[in-house]
Amino acid sequence: MSEFTKEEWRFCDNTKYGWQTHPFSITARKKGVNSATIANIPVRATISLEEAKANARLISAAPALLEALETFPQSIAWTDQDLWDWSKKALEAINKAKGIDQ
């Protein structure tokens, strides 16, 4: 099993709070604290704000994408339910990376 913060990683749009140096971040709720910062996405002259936002969304979806790949049905004898469950998990992870609400 991979080692990383197990709580759900969340995309945070800090532009709502006037943050200019780190407009986006990825956090996880931890017991006993409001949240733990996984990563801050700083402003860079070579990366547009839209690209930085897309990068932050992709990073926040990384654990869900990893889980979807790790749980890919390994059996040749998939049931329709196995394939449906995995497809749903993969689509949810992809939508999270793209910032699409379900």
PDB file of N, CA and C in Angstrom:
ATOM      1  N   MET A   1       0.843  -1.185   0.000  1.00  0.00           N
ATOM      2  CA  MET A   1       0.000   0.000   0.000  1.00  0.00           C
ATOM      3  C   MET A   1       0.884   1.243   0.000  1.00  0.00           C
ATOM      4  N   SER A   2       0.513   2.202  -0.756  1.00  0.00           N
ATOM      5  CA  SER A   2       1.252   3.460  -0.823  1.00  0.00           C
ATOM      6  C   SER A   2       1.096   4.243   0.473  1.00  0.00           C
ATOM      7  N   GLU A   3       2.117   5.003   0.795  1.00  0.00           N
ATOM      8  CA  GLU A   3       2.084   5.827   2.002  1.00  0.00           C
ATOM      9  C   GLU A   3       1.784   7.271   1.629  1.00  0.00           C
ATOM     10  N   PHE A   4       0.642   7.764   2.049  1.00  0.00           N
ATOM     11  CA  PHE A   4       0.278   9.165   1.855  1.00  0.00           C
ATOM     12  C   PHE A   4      -0.836   9.476   2.832  1.00  0.00           C
ATOM     13  N   THR A   5      -1.172  10.722   2.994  1.00  0.00           N
ATOM     14  CA  THR A   5      -2.254  11.121   3.880  1.00  0.00           C
ATOM     15  C   THR A   5      -3.534  10.455   3.411  1.00  0.00           C
ATOM     16  N   LYS A   6      -4.155   9.665   4.272  1.00  0.00           N
ATOM     17  CA  LYS A   6      -5.292   8.829   3.874  1.00  0.00           C
ATOM     18  C   LYS A   6      -6.613   9.585   3.772  1.00  0.00           C
ATOM     19  N   GLU A   7      -6.728  10.717   4.436  1.00  0.00           N
ATOM     20  CA  GLU A   7      -7.974  11.475   4.346  1.00  0.00           C
ATOM     21  C   GLU A   7      -8.164  11.983   2.920  1.00  0.00           C
ATOM     22  N   GLU A   8      -9.400  12.307   2.572  1.00  0.00           N
ATOM     23  CA  GLU A   8      -9.674  12.815   1.221  1.00  0.00           C
ATOM     24  C   GLU A   8      -8.897  14.093   0.969  1.00  0.00           C
ATOM     25  N   TRP A   9      -8.238  14.168  -0.172  1.00  0.00           N
ATOM     26  CA  TRP A   9      -7.527  15.368  -0.567  1.00  0.00           C
ATOM     27  C   TRP A   9      -8.520  16.302  -1.233  1.00  0.00           C
ATOM     28  N   ARG A  10      -8.483  17.573  -0.818  1.00  0.00           N
ATOM     29  CA  ARG A  10      -9.444  18.544  -1.325  1.00  0.00           C
ATOM     30  C   ARG A  10      -8.739  19.685  -2.041  1.00  0.00           C
ATOM     31  N   PHE A  11      -9.292  20.069  -3.172  1.00  0.00           N
ATOM     32  CA  PHE A  11      -8.832  21.234  -3.920  1.00  0.00           C
ATOM     33  C   PHE A  11      -9.362  22.473  -3.216  1.00  0.00           C
ATOM     34  N   CYS A  12      -8.512  23.462  -2.984  1.00  0.00           N
ATOM     35  CA  CYS A  12      -8.919  24.709  -2.339  1.00  0.00           C
ATOM     36  C   CYS A  12      -8.590  25.887  -3.254  1.00  0.00           C
ATOM     37  N   ASP A  13      -9.602  26.686  -3.546  1.00  0.00           N
ATOM     38  CA  ASP A  13      -9.422  27.895  -4.353  1.00  0.00           C
ATOM     39  C   ASP A  13      -9.210  29.062  -3.394  1.00  0.00           C
ATOM     40  N   ASN A  14      -7.952  29.402  -3.155  1.00  0.00           N
ATOM     41  CA  ASN A  14      -7.612  30.452  -2.196  1.00  0.00           C
ATOM     42  C   ASN A  14      -7.804  31.855  -2.747  1.00  0.00           C
ATOM     43  N   THR A  15      -8.115  31.972  -4.046  1.00  0.00           N
ATOM     44  CA  THR A  15      -8.348  33.300  -4.613  1.00  0.00           C
ATOM     45  C   THR A  15      -9.570  33.941  -3.972  1.00  0.00           C
ATOM     46  N   LYS A  16     -10.472  33.107  -3.452  1.00  0.00           N
ATOM     47  CA  LYS A  16     -11.666  33.628  -2.764  1.00  0.00           C
ATOM     48  C   LYS A  16     -11.295  34.410  -1.510  1.00  0.00           C
ATOM     49  N   TYR A  17     -10.109  34.114  -0.961  1.00  0.00           N
ATOM     50  CA  TYR A  17      -9.658  34.757   0.268  1.00  0.00           C
ATOM     51  C   TYR A  17      -8.592  35.810   0.011  1.00  0.00           C
ATOM     52  N   GLY A  18      -8.363  36.111  -1.265  1.00  0.00           N
ATOM     53  CA  GLY A  18      -7.409  37.143  -1.629  1.00  0.00           C
ATOM     54  C   GLY A  18      -5.959  36.699  -1.634  1.00  0.00           C
ATOM     55  N   TRP A  19      -5.710  35.396  -1.549  1.00  0.00           N
ATOM     56  CA  TRP A  19      -4.333  34.910  -1.580  1.00  0.00           C
ATOM     57  C   TRP A  19      -3.785  35.129  -2.979  1.00  0.00           C
ATOM     58  N   GLN A  20      -2.667  35.796  -3.075  1.00  0.00           N
ATOM     59  CA  GLN A  20      -2.088  36.060  -4.380  1.00  0.00           C
ATOM     60  C   GLN A  20      -0.846  35.229  -4.659  1.00  0.00           C
ATOM     61  N   THR A  21      -0.094  34.849  -3.628  1.00  0.00           N
ATOM     62  CA  THR A  21       1.137  34.090  -3.862  1.00  0.00           C
ATOM     63  C   THR A  21       0.881  32.593  -4.015  1.00  0.00           C
ATOM     64  N   HIS A  22      -0.163  32.068  -3.376  1.00  0.00           N
ATOM     65  CA  HIS A  22      -0.535  30.652  -3.465  1.00  0.00           C
ATOM     66  C   HIS A  22      -2.041  30.575  -3.712  1.00  0.00           C
ATOM     67  N   PRO A  23      -2.456  30.797  -4.972  1.00  0.00           N
ATOM     68  CA  PRO A  23      -3.889  30.879  -5.249  1.00  0.00           C
ATOM     69  C   PRO A  23      -4.644  29.572  -5.068  1.00  0.00           C
ATOM     70  N   PHE A  24      -3.932  28.430  -5.125  1.00  0.00           N
ATOM     71  CA  PHE A  24      -4.598  27.135  -4.982  1.00  0.00           C
ATOM     72  C   PHE A  24      -3.784  26.252  -4.052  1.00  0.00           C
ATOM     73  N   SER A  25      -4.479  25.384  -3.318  1.00  0.00           N
ATOM     74  CA  SER A  25      -3.788  24.437  -2.449  1.00  0.00           C
ATOM     75  C   SER A  25      -4.584  23.143  -2.386  1.00  0.00           C
ATOM     76  N   ILE A  26      -3.929  22.131  -1.858  1.00  0.00           N
ATOM     77  CA  ILE A  26      -4.549  20.833  -1.654  1.00  0.00           C
ATOM     78  C   ILE A  26      -4.441  20.555  -0.166  1.00  0.00           C
ATOM     79  N   THR A  27      -5.571  20.236   0.464  1.00  0.00           N
ATOM     80  CA  THR A  27      -5.591  19.977   1.899  1.00  0.00           C
ATOM     81  C   THR A  27      -6.299  18.659   2.184  1.00  0.00           C
ATOM     82  N   ALA A  28      -6.118  18.186   3.420  1.00  0.00           N
ATOM     83  CA  ALA A  28      -6.826  17.001   3.901  1.00  0.00           C
ATOM     84  C   ALA A  28      -7.264  17.286   5.323  1.00  0.00           C
ATOM     85  N   ARG A  29      -8.486  16.925   5.651  1.00  0.00           N
ATOM     86  CA  ARG A  29      -8.953  17.081   7.033  1.00  0.00           C
ATOM     87  C   ARG A  29      -8.284  16.023   7.892  1.00  0.00           C
ATOM     88  N   LYS A  30      -7.676  16.462   8.977  1.00  0.00           N
ATOM     89  CA  LYS A  30      -7.010  15.545   9.900  1.00  0.00           C
ATOM     90  C   LYS A  30      -7.686  15.660  11.260  1.00  0.00           C
ATOM     91  N   LYS A  31      -7.710  14.552  12.000  1.00  0.00           N
ATOM     92  CA  LYS A  31      -8.285  14.571  13.341  1.00  0.00           C
ATOM     93  C   LYS A  31      -7.549  15.561  14.220  1.00  0.00           C
ATOM     94  N   GLY A  32      -8.279  16.389  14.932  1.00  0.00           N
ATOM     95  CA  GLY A  32      -7.687  17.314  15.871  1.00  0.00           C
ATOM     96  C   GLY A  32      -7.233  18.637  15.284  1.00  0.00           C
ATOM     97  N   VAL A  33      -7.264  18.763  13.947  1.00  0.00           N
ATOM     98  CA  VAL A  33      -6.908  20.025  13.298  1.00  0.00           C
ATOM     99  C   VAL A  33      -7.917  20.306  12.200  1.00  0.00           C
ATOM    100  N   ASN A  34      -8.013  21.570  11.793  1.00  0.00           N
ATOM    101  CA  ASN A  34      -8.956  21.905  10.729  1.00  0.00           C
ATOM    102  C   ASN A  34      -8.592  21.209   9.428  1.00  0.00           C
ATOM    103  N   SER A  35      -7.337  21.307   9.041  1.00  0.00           N
ATOM    104  CA  SER A  35      -6.884  20.621   7.833  1.00  0.00           C
ATOM    105  C   SER A  35      -5.368  20.610   7.816  1.00  0.00           C
ATOM    106  N   ALA A  36      -4.828  19.701   7.034  1.00  0.00           N
ATOM    107  CA  ALA A  36      -3.383  19.628   6.824  1.00  0.00           C
ATOM    108  C   ALA A  36      -3.130  19.965   5.362  1.00  0.00           C
ATOM    109  N   THR A  37      -2.186  20.840   5.123  1.00  0.00           N
ATOM    110  CA  THR A  37      -1.864  21.209   3.743  1.00  0.00           C
ATOM    111  C   THR A  37      -0.973  20.143   3.129  1.00  0.00           C
ATOM    112  N   ILE A  38      -1.409  19.633   1.985  1.00  0.00           N
ATOM    113  CA  ILE A  38      -0.636  18.657   1.234  1.00  0.00           C
ATOM    114  C   ILE A  38       0.313  19.396   0.292  1.00  0.00           C
ATOM    115  N   ALA A  39      -0.211  20.427  -0.386  1.00  0.00           N
ATOM    116  CA  ALA A  39       0.604  21.184  -1.335  1.00  0.00           C
ATOM    117  C   ALA A  39       0.017  22.569  -1.545  1.00  0.00           C
ATOM    118  N   ASN A  40       0.878  23.523  -1.796  1.00  0.00           N
ATOM    119  CA  ASN A  40       0.485  24.864  -2.229  1.00  0.00           C
ATOM    120  C   ASN A  40       0.944  25.024  -3.669  1.00  0.00           C
ATOM    121  N   ILE A  41       0.093  25.607  -4.487  1.00  0.00           N
ATOM    122  CA  ILE A  41       0.444  25.867  -5.875  1.00  0.00           C
ATOM    123  C   ILE A  41       0.747  27.359  -5.984  1.00  0.00           C
ATOM    124  N   PRO A  42       2.029  27.719  -6.093  1.00  0.00           N
ATOM    125  CA  PRO A  42       2.390  29.138  -6.139  1.00  0.00           C
ATOM    126  C   PRO A  42       2.155  29.751  -7.517  1.00  0.00           C
ATOM    127  N   VAL A  43       2.103  31.061  -7.526  1.00  0.00           N
ATOM    128  CA  VAL A  43       1.997  31.804  -8.784  1.00  0.00           C
ATOM    129  C   VAL A  43       3.353  31.734  -9.474  1.00  0.00           C
ATOM    130  N   ARG A  44       3.320  31.443 -10.755  1.00  0.00           N
ATOM    131  CA  ARG A  44       4.533  31.416 -11.571  1.00  0.00           C
ATOM    132  C   ARG A  44       4.250  32.172 -12.856  1.00  0.00           C
ATOM    133  N   ALA A  45       5.196  32.975 -13.283  1.00  0.00           N
ATOM    134  CA  ALA A  45       5.014  33.770 -14.499  1.00  0.00           C
ATOM    135  C   ALA A  45       4.890  32.883 -15.723  1.00  0.00           C
ATOM    136  N   THR A  46       5.437  31.678 -15.663  1.00  0.00           N
ATOM    137  CA  THR A  46       5.430  30.790 -16.830  1.00  0.00           C
ATOM    138  C   THR A  46       4.196  29.906 -16.900  1.00  0.00           C
ATOM    139  N   ILE A  47       3.353  29.948 -15.870  1.00  0.00           N
ATOM    140  CA  ILE A  47       2.141  29.118 -15.832  1.00  0.00           C
ATOM    141  C   ILE A  47       0.943  30.026 -15.594  1.00  0.00           C
ATOM    142  N   SER A  48      -0.057  29.887 -16.436  1.00  0.00           N
ATOM    143  CA  SER A  48      -1.265  30.710 -16.280  1.00  0.00           C
ATOM    144  C   SER A  48      -2.032  30.272 -15.039  1.00  0.00           C
ATOM    145  N   LEU A  49      -2.913  31.131 -14.563  1.00  0.00           N
ATOM    146  CA  LEU A  49      -3.749  30.813 -13.411  1.00  0.00           C
ATOM    147  C   LEU A  49      -4.621  29.595 -13.720  1.00  0.00           C
ATOM    148  N   GLU A  50      -5.120  29.494 -14.945  1.00  0.00           N
ATOM    149  CA  GLU A  50      -5.959  28.358 -15.342  1.00  0.00           C
ATOM    150  C   GLU A  50      -5.160  27.054 -15.295  1.00  0.00           C
ATOM    151  N   GLU A  51      -3.901  27.098 -15.759  1.00  0.00           N
ATOM    152  CA  GLU A  51      -3.050  25.904 -15.731  1.00  0.00           C
ATOM    153  C   GLU A  51      -2.717  25.515 -14.289  1.00  0.00           C
ATOM    154  N   ALA A  52      -2.436  26.505 -13.437  1.00  0.00           N
ATOM    155  CA  ALA A  52      -2.152  26.232 -12.029  1.00  0.00           C
ATOM    156  C   ALA A  52      -3.362  25.586 -11.359  1.00  0.00           C
ATOM    157  N   LYS A  53      -4.551  26.076 -11.693  1.00  0.00           N
ATOM    158  CA  LYS A  53      -5.782  25.512 -11.130  1.00  0.00           C
ATOM    159  C   LYS A  53      -5.962  24.070 -11.588  1.00  0.00           C
ATOM    160  N   ALA A  54      -5.727  23.797 -12.864  1.00  0.00           N
ATOM    161  CA  ALA A  54      -5.839  22.433 -13.389  1.00  0.00           C
ATOM    162  C   ALA A  54      -4.819  21.510 -12.714  1.00  0.00           C
ATOM    163  N   ASN A  55      -3.603  22.005 -12.495  1.00  0.00           N
ATOM    164  CA  ASN A  55      -2.583  21.212 -11.808  1.00  0.00           C
ATOM    165  C   ASN A  55      -3.020  20.879 -10.387  1.00  0.00           C
ATOM    166  N   ALA A  56      -3.577  21.860  -9.679  1.00  0.00           N
ATOM    167  CA  ALA A  56      -4.033  21.636  -8.307  1.00  0.00           C
ATOM    168  C   ALA A  56      -5.164  20.613  -8.268  1.00  0.00           C
ATOM    169  N   ARG A  57      -6.087  20.698  -9.211  1.00  0.00           N
ATOM    170  CA  ARG A  57      -7.186  19.717  -9.264  1.00  0.00           C
ATOM    171  C   ARG A  57      -6.642  18.308  -9.503  1.00  0.00           C
ATOM    172  N   LEU A  58      -5.673  18.180 -10.402  1.00  0.00           N
ATOM    173  CA  LEU A  58      -5.089  16.869 -10.687  1.00  0.00           C
ATOM    174  C   LEU A  58      -4.381  16.303  -9.457  1.00  0.00           C
ATOM    175  N   ILE A  59      -3.628  17.142  -8.764  1.00  0.00           N
ATOM    176  CA  ILE A  59      -2.943  16.694  -7.543  1.00  0.00           C
ATOM    177  C   ILE A  59      -3.966  16.253  -6.500  1.00  0.00           C
ATOM    178  N   SER A  60      -5.046  17.015  -6.331  1.00  0.00           N
ATOM    179  CA  SER A  60      -6.041  16.663  -5.311  1.00  0.00           C
ATOM    180  C   SER A  60      -6.735  15.338  -5.624  1.00  0.00           C
ATOM    181  N   ALA A  61      -6.785  14.969  -6.901  1.00  0.00           N
ATOM    182  CA  ALA A  61      -7.429  13.716  -7.301  1.00  0.00           C
ATOM    183  C   ALA A  61      -6.473  12.532  -7.293  1.00  0.00           C
ATOM    184  N   ALA A  62      -5.190  12.760  -7.049  1.00  0.00           N
ATOM    185  CA  ALA A  62      -4.196  11.687  -7.147  1.00  0.00           C
ATOM    186  C   ALA A  62      -4.543  10.457  -6.305  1.00  0.00           C
ATOM    187  N   PRO A  63      -4.925  10.587  -5.028  1.00  0.00           N
ATOM    188  CA  PRO A  63      -5.246   9.376  -4.269  1.00  0.00           C
ATOM    189  C   PRO A  63      -6.436   8.608  -4.855  1.00  0.00           C
ATOM    190  N   ALA A  64      -7.448   9.313  -5.333  1.00  0.00           N
ATOM    191  CA  ALA A  64      -8.608   8.641  -5.922  1.00  0.00           C
ATOM    192  C   ALA A  64      -8.229   7.947  -7.224  1.00  0.00           C
ATOM    193  N   LEU A  65      -7.378   8.582  -8.017  1.00  0.00           N
ATOM    194  CA  LEU A  65      -6.912   7.962  -9.259  1.00  0.00           C
ATOM    195  C   LEU A  65      -6.079   6.718  -8.952  1.00  0.00           C
ATOM    196  N   LEU A  66      -5.207   6.811  -7.947  1.00  0.00           N
ATOM    197  CA  LEU A  66      -4.398   5.666  -7.545  1.00  0.00           C
ATOM    198  C   LEU A  66      -5.290   4.520  -7.079  1.00  0.00           C
ATOM    199  N   GLU A  67      -6.264   4.825  -6.253  1.00  0.00           N
ATOM    200  CA  GLU A  67      -7.165   3.789  -5.752  1.00  0.00           C
ATOM    201  C   GLU A  67      -7.921   3.120  -6.900  1.00  0.00           C
ATOM    202  N   ALA A  68      -8.372   3.910  -7.858  1.00  0.00           N
ATOM    203  CA  ALA A  68      -9.096   3.339  -8.997  1.00  0.00           C
ATOM    204  C   ALA A  68      -8.201   2.370  -9.761  1.00  0.00           C
ATOM    205  N   LEU A  69      -6.944   2.747  -9.957  1.00  0.00           N
ATOM    206  CA  LEU A  69      -6.025   1.861 -10.670  1.00  0.00           C
ATOM    207  C   LEU A  69      -5.668   0.626  -9.845  1.00  0.00           C
ATOM    208  N   GLU A  70      -5.469   0.823  -8.538  1.00  0.00           N
ATOM    209  CA  GLU A  70      -5.129  -0.319  -7.676  1.00  0.00           C
ATOM    210  C   GLU A  70      -6.268  -1.319  -7.563  1.00  0.00           C
ATOM    211  N   THR A  71      -7.494  -0.845  -7.687  1.00  0.00           N
ATOM    212  CA  THR A  71      -8.649  -1.734  -7.535  1.00  0.00           C
ATOM    213  C   THR A  71      -9.179  -2.224  -8.871  1.00  0.00           C
ATOM    214  N   PHE A  72      -8.439  -1.966  -9.939  1.00  0.00           N
ATOM    215  CA  PHE A  72      -8.852  -2.454 -11.248  1.00  0.00           C
ATOM    216  C   PHE A  72      -9.057  -3.958 -11.151  1.00  0.00           C
ATOM    217  N   PRO A  73     -10.203  -4.443 -11.573  1.00  0.00           N
ATOM    218  CA  PRO A  73     -10.457  -5.886 -11.449  1.00  0.00           C
ATOM    219  C   PRO A  73      -9.379  -6.699 -12.169  1.00  0.00           C
ATOM    220  N   GLN A  74      -8.725  -7.575 -11.433  1.00  0.00           N
ATOM    221  CA  GLN A  74      -7.625  -8.366 -11.981  1.00  0.00           C
ATOM    222  C   GLN A  74      -8.102  -9.671 -12.627  1.00  0.00           C
ATOM    223  N   SER A  75      -9.300 -10.036 -12.336  1.00  0.00           N
ATOM    224  CA  SER A  75      -9.814 -11.308 -12.825  1.00  0.00           C
ATOM    225  C   SER A  75     -10.317 -11.182 -14.258  1.00  0.00           C
ATOM    226  N   ILE A  76     -10.065 -12.195 -15.038  1.00  0.00           N
ATOM    227  CA  ILE A  76     -10.612 -12.242 -16.403  1.00  0.00           C
ATOM    228  C   ILE A  76     -12.119 -12.439 -16.327  1.00  0.00           C
ATOM    229  N   ALA A  77     -12.564 -13.086 -15.277  1.00  0.00           N
ATOM    230  CA  ALA A  77     -13.992 -13.399 -15.135  1.00  0.00           C
ATOM    231  C   ALA A  77     -14.712 -12.292 -14.383  1.00  0.00           C
ATOM    232  N   TRP A  78     -14.624 -11.081 -14.900  1.00  0.00           N
ATOM    233  CA  TRP A  78     -15.338  -9.972 -14.275  1.00  0.00           C
ATOM    234  C   TRP A  78     -16.824 -10.229 -14.329  1.00  0.00           C
ATOM    235  N   THR A  79     -17.481  -9.830 -13.272  1.00  0.00           N
ATOM    236  CA  THR A  79     -18.944  -9.795 -13.356  1.00  0.00           C
ATOM    237  C   THR A  79     -19.316  -8.409 -13.846  1.00  0.00           C
ATOM    238  N   ASP A  80     -20.515  -8.276 -14.325  1.00  0.00           N
ATOM    239  CA  ASP A  80     -20.973  -6.946 -14.739  1.00  0.00           C
ATOM    240  C   ASP A  80     -20.892  -5.968 -13.573  1.00  0.00           C
ATOM    241  N   GLN A  81     -21.194  -6.443 -12.357  1.00  0.00           N
ATOM    242  CA  GLN A  81     -21.153  -5.571 -11.181  1.00  0.00           C
ATOM    243  C   GLN A  81     -19.729  -5.119 -10.879  1.00  0.00           C
ATOM    244  N   ASP A  82     -18.739  -6.019 -10.998  1.00  0.00           N
ATOM    245  CA  ASP A  82     -17.328  -5.642 -10.785  1.00  0.00           C
ATOM    246  C   ASP A  82     -16.919  -4.521 -11.734  1.00  0.00           C
ATOM    247  N   LEU A  83     -17.252  -4.715 -12.992  1.00  0.00           N
ATOM    248  CA  LEU A  83     -16.881  -3.724 -13.999  1.00  0.00           C
ATOM    249  C   LEU A  83     -17.614  -2.414 -13.762  1.00  0.00           C
ATOM    250  N   TRP A  84     -18.884  -2.482 -13.416  1.00  0.00           N
ATOM    251  CA  TRP A  84     -19.670  -1.278 -13.132  1.00  0.00           C
ATOM    252  C   TRP A  84     -19.078  -0.527 -11.938  1.00  0.00           C
ATOM    253  N   ASP A  85     -18.785  -1.245 -10.845  1.00  0.00           N
ATOM    254  CA  ASP A  85     -18.239  -0.609  -9.640  1.00  0.00           C
ATOM    255  C   ASP A  85     -16.906   0.068  -9.945  1.00  0.00           C
ATOM    256  N   TRP A  86     -16.021  -0.632 -10.667  1.00  0.00           N
ATOM    257  CA  TRP A  86     -14.728  -0.051 -10.986  1.00  0.00           C
ATOM    258  C   TRP A  86     -14.880   1.142 -11.924  1.00  0.00           C
ATOM    259  N   SER A  87     -15.737   1.029 -12.929  1.00  0.00           N
ATOM    260  CA  SER A  87     -15.949   2.128 -13.878  1.00  0.00           C
ATOM    261  C   SER A  87     -16.451   3.368 -13.160  1.00  0.00           C
ATOM    262  N   LYS A  88     -17.365   3.182 -12.217  1.00  0.00           N
ATOM    263  CA  LYS A  88     -17.906   4.312 -11.448  1.00  0.00           C
ATOM    264  C   LYS A  88     -16.793   4.984 -10.632  1.00  0.00           C
ATOM    265  N   LYS A  89     -15.957   4.187  -9.971  1.00  0.00           N
ATOM    266  CA  LYS A  89     -14.855   4.721  -9.165  1.00  0.00           C
ATOM    267  C   LYS A  89     -13.864   5.487 -10.045  1.00  0.00           C
ATOM    268  N   ALA A  90     -13.536   4.919 -11.208  1.00  0.00           N
ATOM    269  CA  ALA A  90     -12.598   5.576 -12.120  1.00  0.00           C
ATOM    270  C   ALA A  90     -13.174   6.883 -12.649  1.00  0.00           C
ATOM    271  N   LEU A  91     -14.446   6.885 -13.025  1.00  0.00           N
ATOM    272  CA  LEU A  91     -15.079   8.097 -13.543  1.00  0.00           C
ATOM    273  C   LEU A  91     -15.147   9.184 -12.475  1.00  0.00           C
ATOM    274  N   GLU A  92     -15.436   8.823 -11.233  1.00  0.00           N
ATOM    275  CA  GLU A  92     -15.460   9.800 -10.140  1.00  0.00           C
ATOM    276  C   GLU A  92     -14.078  10.438  -9.959  1.00  0.00           C
ATOM    277  N   ALA A  93     -13.030   9.634 -10.038  1.00  0.00           N
ATOM    278  CA  ALA A  93     -11.671  10.164  -9.896  1.00  0.00           C
ATOM    279  C   ALA A  93     -11.307  11.084 -11.051  1.00  0.00           C
ATOM    280  N   ILE A  94     -11.677  10.697 -12.257  1.00  0.00           N
ATOM    281  CA  ILE A  94     -11.409  11.527 -13.420  1.00  0.00           C
ATOM    282  C   ILE A  94     -12.161  12.848 -13.316  1.00  0.00           C
ATOM    283  N   ASN A  95     -13.419  12.805 -12.915  1.00  0.00           N
ATOM    284  CA  ASN A  95     -14.217  14.028 -12.763  1.00  0.00           C
ATOM    285  C   ASN A  95     -13.628  14.934 -11.687  1.00  0.00           C
ATOM    286  N   LYS A  96     -13.122  14.350 -10.605  1.00  0.00           N
ATOM    287  CA  LYS A  96     -12.498  15.161  -9.555  1.00  0.00           C
ATOM    288  C   LYS A  96     -11.258  15.866 -10.106  1.00  0.00           C
ATOM    289  N   ALA A  97     -10.458  15.146 -10.883  1.00  0.00           N
ATOM    290  CA  ALA A  97      -9.261  15.752 -11.480  1.00  0.00           C
ATOM    291  C   ALA A  97      -9.613  16.892 -12.425  1.00  0.00           C
ATOM    292  N   LYS A  98     -10.756  16.778 -13.109  1.00  0.00           N
ATOM    293  CA  LYS A  98     -11.189  17.814 -14.045  1.00  0.00           C
ATOM    294  C   LYS A  98     -12.012  18.903 -13.389  1.00  0.00           C
ATOM    295  N   GLY A  99     -12.349  18.734 -12.107  1.00  0.00           N
ATOM    296  CA  GLY A  99     -13.158  19.729 -11.409  1.00  0.00           C
ATOM    297  C   GLY A  99     -14.627  19.678 -11.776  1.00  0.00           C
ATOM    298  N   ILE A 100     -15.087  18.508 -12.180  1.00  0.00           N
ATOM    299  CA  ILE A 100     -16.492  18.329 -12.544  1.00  0.00           C
ATOM    300  C   ILE A 100     -17.247  17.789 -11.341  1.00  0.00           C
ATOM    301  N   ASP A 101     -18.250  18.526 -10.895  1.00  0.00           N
ATOM    302  CA  ASP A 101     -19.062  18.052  -9.772  1.00  0.00           C
ATOM    303  C   ASP A 101     -20.002  16.953 -10.247  1.00  0.00           C
ATOM    304  N   GLN A 102     -20.208  15.978  -9.346  1.00  0.00           N
ATOM    305  CA  GLN A 102     -21.123  14.890  -9.699  1.00  0.00           C
ATOM    306  C   GLN A 102     -22.484  15.102  -9.089  1.00  0.00           C
TER     307      GLN A 102
END
